[in-house]
Structure formats: C-alpha cells, structure tokens
Amino acid sequence: MQHDYVEGTSTTPVGYLEGIFVKEGYRNKGYAKELLDACETWAKRNGCYEFASDCEIGNTNSFCFHKAMNFKEANRIICFTKRL
C-alpha cells in the first residue's frame, strides 16, 4: 500500500502491485489473475479506492497482462540515475 502520490491516482492510500510472478509451467491458467484479485481484495479491506502498478517499457508480457486485467495506462516515464 502506498501513502505517497501514485502516478495517475487521486486518492490515498493506493493499493500497489509491486510485482507478480508465476512459474513457467503454471502460466496461462489464471493464477496471476487470482493473485491480483487477492491483492485488490486486501487493498479494498484496507481502505483503498484505487489500485496501481507499473512495468518497464520493454516488458511486453507485463504490459499485456496489465491491459488484460483492466489497468489503464496513466503515463510513461524514463528514469535516470548517476553515480556521485
């Protein structure tokens, strides 16, 4: 759960999917959707009215999963770092 600003949202706190992984032999059987459903249920029970997530721009599998789970794209950003 995120209490700080989450891109594309207007409430706080926001349920947030940090990552999801299904072992290769179990993919395309609905397990990822079940995991997401459980996360969303938990978020609702904990006072969240919105749910968010992210993926790397080049991760087409994750992008397709998010779209299939009715997430709406809020923004695209490129993050930079440098060592000091």
N, C-alpha and C. Protein backbone atom coordinates (compact mmCIF):
# COMPACT_ATOMS: atom_id res chain seq x y z
N MET A 1 0.85 -1.17 0.00
CA MET A 1 0.00 0.00 0.00
C MET A 1 0.90 1.23 0.00
N GLN A 2 0.56 2.19 -0.86
CA GLN A 2 1.33 3.42 -0.98
C GLN A 2 0.54 4.57 -0.36
N HIS A 3 1.20 5.35 0.50
CA HIS A 3 0.58 6.53 1.09
C HIS A 3 1.04 7.80 0.41
N ASP A 4 2.13 7.73 -0.34
CA ASP A 4 2.59 8.89 -1.08
C ASP A 4 1.89 8.93 -2.44
N TYR A 5 2.15 9.95 -3.24
CA TYR A 5 1.48 10.10 -4.53
C TYR A 5 1.83 8.94 -5.45
N VAL A 6 0.81 8.41 -6.11
CA VAL A 6 0.99 7.36 -7.11
C VAL A 6 0.51 7.92 -8.44
N GLU A 7 1.35 7.86 -9.44
CA GLU A 7 1.06 8.41 -10.77
C GLU A 7 -0.32 7.99 -11.27
N GLY A 8 -1.13 8.98 -11.64
CA GLY A 8 -2.43 8.71 -12.23
C GLY A 8 -3.56 8.50 -11.24
N THR A 9 -3.29 8.61 -9.94
CA THR A 9 -4.33 8.39 -8.94
C THR A 9 -4.72 9.71 -8.27
N SER A 10 -5.87 9.68 -7.59
CA SER A 10 -6.34 10.90 -6.93
C SER A 10 -6.70 10.68 -5.47
N THR A 11 -6.47 9.47 -4.96
CA THR A 11 -6.78 9.16 -3.56
C THR A 11 -5.54 8.61 -2.86
N THR A 12 -5.64 8.49 -1.56
CA THR A 12 -4.59 7.85 -0.77
C THR A 12 -5.25 7.16 0.41
N PRO A 13 -4.83 6.02 0.83
CA PRO A 13 -3.75 5.22 0.26
C PRO A 13 -4.19 4.54 -1.03
N VAL A 14 -3.22 4.02 -1.76
CA VAL A 14 -3.47 3.32 -3.02
C VAL A 14 -2.87 1.92 -2.91
N GLY A 15 -3.66 0.92 -3.26
CA GLY A 15 -3.12 -0.44 -3.36
C GLY A 15 -2.12 -0.45 -4.51
N TYR A 16 -1.03 -1.19 -4.35
CA TYR A 16 0.02 -1.14 -5.37
C TYR A 16 0.62 -2.52 -5.58
N LEU A 17 0.59 -2.97 -6.82
CA LEU A 17 1.19 -4.25 -7.18
C LEU A 17 2.66 -4.01 -7.50
N GLU A 18 3.53 -4.44 -6.60
CA GLU A 18 4.97 -4.25 -6.79
C GLU A 18 5.55 -5.26 -7.78
N GLY A 19 4.98 -6.42 -7.85
CA GLY A 19 5.46 -7.44 -8.77
C GLY A 19 4.59 -8.67 -8.69
N ILE A 20 4.58 -9.43 -9.76
CA ILE A 20 3.82 -10.69 -9.77
C ILE A 20 4.60 -11.66 -10.65
N PHE A 21 4.69 -12.89 -10.19
CA PHE A 21 5.44 -13.89 -10.95
C PHE A 21 4.74 -15.23 -10.81
N VAL A 22 4.58 -15.90 -11.93
CA VAL A 22 4.01 -17.24 -11.97
C VAL A 22 5.04 -18.14 -12.66
N LYS A 23 5.41 -19.21 -12.01
CA LYS A 23 6.39 -20.15 -12.56
C LYS A 23 5.93 -20.63 -13.94
N GLU A 24 6.87 -20.81 -14.82
CA GLU A 24 6.57 -21.07 -16.23
C GLU A 24 5.54 -22.19 -16.46
N GLY A 25 5.65 -23.28 -15.79
CA GLY A 25 4.72 -24.39 -16.00
C GLY A 25 3.28 -24.12 -15.57
N TYR A 26 3.07 -23.02 -14.85
CA TYR A 26 1.74 -22.69 -14.32
C TYR A 26 1.12 -21.47 -14.99
N ARG A 27 1.79 -20.92 -15.98
CA ARG A 27 1.31 -19.72 -16.65
C ARG A 27 0.12 -20.02 -17.55
N ASN A 28 -0.66 -18.98 -17.84
CA ASN A 28 -1.84 -19.05 -18.72
C ASN A 28 -2.91 -19.99 -18.19
N LYS A 29 -3.00 -20.09 -16.88
CA LYS A 29 -4.02 -20.91 -16.23
C LYS A 29 -4.89 -20.08 -15.28
N GLY A 30 -4.68 -18.76 -15.26
CA GLY A 30 -5.48 -17.88 -14.43
C GLY A 30 -4.91 -17.59 -13.05
N TYR A 31 -3.72 -18.12 -12.74
CA TYR A 31 -3.15 -17.92 -11.41
C TYR A 31 -2.76 -16.46 -11.15
N ALA A 32 -2.23 -15.78 -12.15
CA ALA A 32 -1.86 -14.38 -11.97
C ALA A 32 -3.10 -13.53 -11.68
N LYS A 33 -4.19 -13.82 -12.37
CA LYS A 33 -5.44 -13.10 -12.10
C LYS A 33 -5.92 -13.37 -10.68
N GLU A 34 -5.82 -14.61 -10.23
CA GLU A 34 -6.23 -14.95 -8.86
C GLU A 34 -5.37 -14.20 -7.84
N LEU A 35 -4.07 -14.13 -8.08
CA LEU A 35 -3.18 -13.39 -7.18
C LEU A 35 -3.54 -11.90 -7.16
N LEU A 36 -3.79 -11.34 -8.34
CA LEU A 36 -4.17 -9.94 -8.42
C LEU A 36 -5.50 -9.70 -7.71
N ASP A 37 -6.47 -10.58 -7.92
CA ASP A 37 -7.76 -10.46 -7.24
C ASP A 37 -7.58 -10.43 -5.72
N ALA A 38 -6.70 -11.28 -5.21
CA ALA A 38 -6.45 -11.32 -3.76
C ALA A 38 -5.82 -10.01 -3.29
N CYS A 39 -4.90 -9.46 -4.08
CA CYS A 39 -4.28 -8.18 -3.74
C CYS A 39 -5.30 -7.05 -3.73
N GLU A 40 -6.18 -7.03 -4.73
CA GLU A 40 -7.20 -5.99 -4.80
C GLU A 40 -8.19 -6.10 -3.64
N THR A 41 -8.55 -7.32 -3.28
CA THR A 41 -9.45 -7.53 -2.14
C THR A 41 -8.80 -7.02 -0.87
N TRP A 42 -7.52 -7.34 -0.67
CA TRP A 42 -6.79 -6.86 0.51
C TRP A 42 -6.78 -5.33 0.53
N ALA A 43 -6.50 -4.71 -0.62
CA ALA A 43 -6.44 -3.25 -0.70
C ALA A 43 -7.78 -2.62 -0.33
N LYS A 44 -8.88 -3.18 -0.86
CA LYS A 44 -10.22 -2.66 -0.53
C LYS A 44 -10.48 -2.76 0.97
N ARG A 45 -10.13 -3.89 1.57
CA ARG A 45 -10.34 -4.09 3.00
C ARG A 45 -9.52 -3.13 3.86
N ASN A 46 -8.46 -2.59 3.27
CA ASN A 46 -7.58 -1.68 3.98
C ASN A 46 -7.77 -0.22 3.57
N GLY A 47 -8.94 0.09 3.04
CA GLY A 47 -9.32 1.47 2.78
C GLY A 47 -8.88 2.08 1.47
N CYS A 48 -8.45 1.26 0.53
CA CYS A 48 -8.02 1.79 -0.76
C CYS A 48 -9.20 1.85 -1.74
N TYR A 49 -9.26 2.94 -2.49
CA TYR A 49 -10.27 3.10 -3.53
C TYR A 49 -9.68 2.98 -4.92
N GLU A 50 -8.34 2.94 -4.99
CA GLU A 50 -7.66 2.79 -6.26
C GLU A 50 -6.54 1.77 -6.10
N PHE A 51 -6.14 1.20 -7.24
CA PHE A 51 -5.09 0.20 -7.26
C PHE A 51 -4.17 0.54 -8.43
N ALA A 52 -2.88 0.44 -8.25
CA ALA A 52 -1.93 0.82 -9.29
C ALA A 52 -0.81 -0.20 -9.43
N SER A 53 -0.04 -0.04 -10.48
CA SER A 53 1.09 -0.92 -10.75
C SER A 53 1.98 -0.23 -11.77
N ASP A 54 3.04 -0.87 -12.15
CA ASP A 54 3.89 -0.36 -13.23
C ASP A 54 4.62 -1.51 -13.88
N CYS A 55 5.25 -1.22 -15.01
CA CYS A 55 6.13 -2.20 -15.65
C CYS A 55 7.14 -1.44 -16.49
N GLU A 56 8.23 -2.09 -16.79
CA GLU A 56 9.24 -1.48 -17.64
C GLU A 56 8.71 -1.36 -19.06
N ILE A 57 9.12 -0.31 -19.76
CA ILE A 57 8.59 -0.04 -21.10
C ILE A 57 8.76 -1.23 -22.04
N GLY A 58 9.86 -1.92 -21.96
CA GLY A 58 10.11 -3.04 -22.87
C GLY A 58 9.51 -4.36 -22.46
N ASN A 59 8.83 -4.41 -21.32
CA ASN A 59 8.28 -5.67 -20.83
C ASN A 59 6.88 -5.88 -21.40
N THR A 60 6.82 -6.41 -22.62
CA THR A 60 5.54 -6.55 -23.31
C THR A 60 4.62 -7.57 -22.63
N ASN A 61 5.18 -8.61 -22.01
CA ASN A 61 4.33 -9.57 -21.31
C ASN A 61 3.60 -8.90 -20.15
N SER A 62 4.32 -8.11 -19.39
CA SER A 62 3.72 -7.40 -18.26
C SER A 62 2.70 -6.37 -18.75
N PHE A 63 3.04 -5.64 -19.80
CA PHE A 63 2.11 -4.66 -20.37
C PHE A 63 0.81 -5.33 -20.78
N CYS A 64 0.92 -6.44 -21.49
CA CYS A 64 -0.29 -7.16 -21.95
C CYS A 64 -1.10 -7.69 -20.77
N PHE A 65 -0.43 -8.18 -19.73
CA PHE A 65 -1.13 -8.65 -18.53
C PHE A 65 -1.92 -7.50 -17.91
N HIS A 66 -1.27 -6.36 -17.71
CA HIS A 66 -1.94 -5.21 -17.10
C HIS A 66 -3.16 -4.78 -17.92
N LYS A 67 -3.02 -4.72 -19.23
CA LYS A 67 -4.15 -4.34 -20.08
C LYS A 67 -5.27 -5.37 -19.96
N ALA A 68 -4.93 -6.64 -19.94
CA ALA A 68 -5.94 -7.71 -19.83
C ALA A 68 -6.66 -7.67 -18.48
N MET A 69 -5.99 -7.13 -17.45
CA MET A 69 -6.58 -7.03 -16.12
C MET A 69 -7.28 -5.68 -15.90
N ASN A 70 -7.53 -4.97 -16.98
CA ASN A 70 -8.28 -3.70 -16.98
C ASN A 70 -7.55 -2.52 -16.34
N PHE A 71 -6.22 -2.59 -16.24
CA PHE A 71 -5.46 -1.40 -15.85
C PHE A 71 -5.48 -0.43 -17.02
N LYS A 72 -5.52 0.86 -16.72
CA LYS A 72 -5.42 1.90 -17.75
C LYS A 72 -4.07 2.56 -17.64
N GLU A 73 -3.42 2.74 -18.76
CA GLU A 73 -2.10 3.37 -18.75
C GLU A 73 -2.24 4.83 -18.31
N ALA A 74 -1.45 5.22 -17.31
CA ALA A 74 -1.53 6.57 -16.76
C ALA A 74 -0.46 7.49 -17.33
N ASN A 75 0.71 6.94 -17.64
CA ASN A 75 1.83 7.77 -18.05
C ASN A 75 2.98 6.87 -18.46
N ARG A 76 3.92 7.44 -19.19
CA ARG A 76 5.18 6.76 -19.50
C ARG A 76 6.30 7.69 -19.09
N ILE A 77 7.28 7.13 -18.37
CA ILE A 77 8.41 7.95 -17.95
C ILE A 77 9.72 7.20 -18.21
N ILE A 78 10.76 7.95 -18.29
CA ILE A 78 12.11 7.37 -18.34
C ILE A 78 12.83 7.88 -17.10
N CYS A 79 13.37 6.98 -16.32
CA CYS A 79 14.06 7.35 -15.08
C CYS A 79 15.56 7.36 -15.34
N PHE A 80 16.24 8.29 -14.70
CA PHE A 80 17.70 8.41 -14.85
C PHE A 80 18.36 8.31 -13.48
N THR A 81 19.57 7.78 -13.47
CA THR A 81 20.41 7.79 -12.28
C THR A 81 21.84 8.08 -12.70
N LYS A 82 22.64 8.51 -11.76
CA LYS A 82 24.07 8.59 -11.98
C LYS A 82 24.78 8.45 -10.65
N ARG A 83 25.96 7.91 -10.70
CA ARG A 83 26.76 7.70 -9.51
C ARG A 83 27.49 8.99 -9.17
N LEU A 84 27.48 9.35 -7.90
CA LEU A 84 28.18 10.56 -7.46
C LEU A 84 29.54 10.24 -6.85
